Protein backbone atom coordinates (compact mmCIF):
# COMPACT_ATOMS: atom_id res chain seq x y z
CA UNK A 1 17.53 -98.38 -54.62
CA UNK A 2 18.23 -99.28 -51.01
CA UNK A 3 20.94 -97.85 -48.69
CA UNK A 4 21.61 -98.49 -45.00
CA UNK A 5 23.23 -96.47 -42.21
CA UNK A 6 25.14 -98.55 -39.74
CA UNK A 7 26.56 -98.09 -36.37
CA UNK A 8 26.08 -98.64 -32.45
CA UNK A 9 23.30 -96.77 -30.63
CA UNK A 10 24.40 -93.18 -30.14
CA UNK A 11 26.76 -93.03 -33.18
CA UNK A 12 24.64 -90.36 -35.05
CA UNK A 13 22.71 -92.60 -37.37
CA UNK A 14 19.17 -90.89 -36.65
CA UNK A 15 20.83 -87.28 -37.01
CA UNK A 16 22.10 -88.25 -40.41
CA UNK A 17 18.71 -89.77 -41.33
CA UNK A 18 16.68 -86.83 -39.91
CA UNK A 19 18.93 -84.26 -42.19
CA UNK A 20 18.29 -86.82 -45.23
CA UNK A 21 14.53 -86.66 -44.51
CA UNK A 22 14.36 -82.86 -44.12
CA UNK A 23 16.63 -82.33 -47.36
CA UNK A 24 14.40 -84.87 -49.45
CA UNK A 25 11.10 -83.11 -48.25
CA UNK A 26 12.38 -79.81 -49.43
CA UNK A 27 13.82 -80.96 -52.48
CA UNK A 28 11.48 -83.77 -53.70
CA UNK A 29 9.01 -83.23 -56.42
CA UNK A 30 7.06 -86.12 -54.83
CA UNK A 31 6.05 -87.77 -51.50
CA UNK A 32 8.72 -88.47 -48.67
CA UNK A 33 7.74 -91.28 -46.25
CA UNK A 34 9.41 -92.04 -42.79
CA UNK A 35 8.51 -95.27 -40.84
CA UNK A 36 9.83 -95.57 -37.39
CA UNK A 37 9.10 -97.59 -34.16
CA UNK A 38 8.02 -95.16 -31.51
CA UNK A 39 7.40 -91.33 -32.06
CA UNK A 40 11.02 -90.21 -31.54
CA UNK A 41 11.19 -88.23 -34.72
CA UNK A 42 7.92 -86.42 -34.40
CA UNK A 43 9.38 -82.97 -33.86
CA UNK A 44 12.57 -83.46 -35.78
CA UNK A 45 11.43 -84.16 -39.37
CA UNK A 46 9.78 -81.44 -41.67
CA UNK A 47 5.84 -81.61 -41.75
CA UNK A 48 6.29 -82.11 -45.66
CA UNK A 49 7.24 -85.82 -44.92
CA UNK A 50 4.75 -88.27 -43.98
CA UNK A 51 5.66 -89.88 -40.58
CA UNK A 52 4.33 -93.38 -39.93
CA UNK A 53 4.85 -95.04 -36.54
CA UNK A 54 5.34 -98.84 -37.11
CA UNK A 55 3.62 -99.86 -33.90
CA UNK A 56 0.25 -98.11 -34.97
CA UNK A 57 0.14 -100.59 -37.68
CA UNK A 58 1.32 -103.86 -35.78
CA UNK A 59 4.53 -103.96 -37.85
CA UNK A 60 6.55 -106.28 -35.93
CA UNK A 61 8.72 -108.35 -38.50
CA UNK A 62 10.47 -107.81 -41.76
CA UNK A 63 7.58 -109.56 -43.99
CA UNK A 64 5.06 -107.28 -42.50
CA UNK A 65 7.44 -104.31 -42.94
CA UNK A 66 7.88 -105.24 -46.54
CA UNK A 67 4.18 -105.78 -47.00
CA UNK A 68 3.45 -102.43 -45.50
CA UNK A 69 5.93 -100.39 -47.58
CA UNK A 70 4.89 -102.40 -50.80
CA UNK A 71 1.16 -101.26 -50.00
CA UNK A 72 2.05 -97.71 -49.56
CA UNK A 73 4.25 -97.56 -52.73
CA UNK A 74 1.32 -99.30 -54.75
CA UNK A 75 -1.20 -96.68 -53.65
CA UNK A 76 0.83 -93.76 -54.15
CA UNK A 77 2.79 -93.41 -57.32
CA UNK A 78 4.72 -90.16 -56.50
CA UNK A 79 6.94 -91.39 -53.55
CA UNK A 80 10.46 -90.59 -54.19
CA UNK A 81 11.96 -91.50 -50.91
CA UNK A 82 11.24 -94.09 -48.16
CA UNK A 83 13.14 -93.73 -44.71
CA UNK A 84 13.13 -96.48 -41.82
CA UNK A 85 14.55 -95.69 -38.63
CA UNK A 86 15.72 -98.56 -36.50
CA UNK A 87 14.77 -101.58 -38.61
CA UNK A 88 16.18 -103.93 -36.12
CA UNK A 89 13.67 -102.72 -33.69
CA UNK A 90 11.07 -103.61 -36.06
CA UNK A 91 12.34 -106.97 -37.41
CA UNK A 92 14.71 -108.32 -34.88
CA UNK A 93 18.42 -109.34 -35.06
CA UNK A 94 18.07 -112.04 -37.64
CA UNK A 95 20.48 -110.91 -40.34
CA UNK A 96 19.48 -113.50 -42.88
CA UNK A 97 16.04 -112.23 -42.61
CA UNK A 98 17.19 -108.61 -42.79
CA UNK A 99 19.21 -109.20 -45.82
CA UNK A 100 16.22 -110.86 -47.40
CA UNK A 101 14.03 -107.90 -46.71
CA UNK A 102 16.78 -105.57 -48.00
CA UNK A 103 16.86 -107.56 -51.29
CA UNK A 104 13.16 -107.50 -51.71
CA UNK A 105 12.93 -104.12 -50.96
CA UNK A 106 15.69 -103.17 -53.49
CA UNK A 107 13.75 -104.89 -56.13
CA UNK A 108 10.68 -103.28 -55.36
CA UNK A 109 12.09 -99.73 -55.20
CA UNK A 110 14.22 -99.96 -58.27
CA UNK A 111 15.99 -97.05 -59.46
CA UNK A 112 13.21 -94.55 -58.99
CA UNK A 113 12.64 -94.60 -55.33
CA UNK A 114 15.53 -94.03 -52.69
CA UNK A 115 15.09 -96.12 -49.56
CA UNK A 116 17.24 -95.44 -46.37
CA UNK A 117 17.33 -97.64 -43.53
CA UNK A 118 19.46 -97.33 -40.29
CA UNK A 119 20.69 -100.45 -38.61
CA UNK A 120 21.86 -100.12 -35.14
CA UNK A 121 24.88 -102.67 -35.28
CA UNK A 122 28.70 -102.56 -35.97
CA UNK A 123 29.42 -103.08 -39.65
CA UNK A 124 31.86 -105.74 -38.59
CA UNK A 125 29.02 -107.84 -37.12
CA UNK A 126 26.88 -107.52 -40.33
CA UNK A 127 27.18 -110.36 -43.01
CA UNK A 128 28.00 -109.05 -46.43
CA UNK A 129 24.62 -109.81 -47.59
CA UNK A 130 23.52 -106.73 -45.62
CA UNK A 131 26.81 -104.63 -46.02
CA UNK A 132 26.44 -104.41 -49.59
CA UNK A 133 23.62 -101.95 -49.17
CA UNK A 134 25.88 -99.42 -47.18
CA UNK A 135 25.91 -95.80 -48.09
């Protein structure tokens, strides 16, 4: 299931995400994955969570990000949580494409995998096709 955290830059989304990652890393019976653009979370998240820097794998659009996450999930069946920080930095500000990405990821993750994504934008500026995934 996909959930998003929205808000402008500096509104505390990443802090919430870091807390969620660290909680999942200590309580999960499986693997916890975090994808981010850049290396901002390196020292903030538990070493028990797998941190992946999207730049290292040339993830630069929603389709590439979806394929990358699908590949990770297909290769590791014990993943319980996937976190993505700053999806608009990875995929861009095309909200229709973001909505398609979220729909596909929601279908892929099902009920067994919790996917949490930060979106740096005011909720009012996002279409309903995106906000339906708000926490």
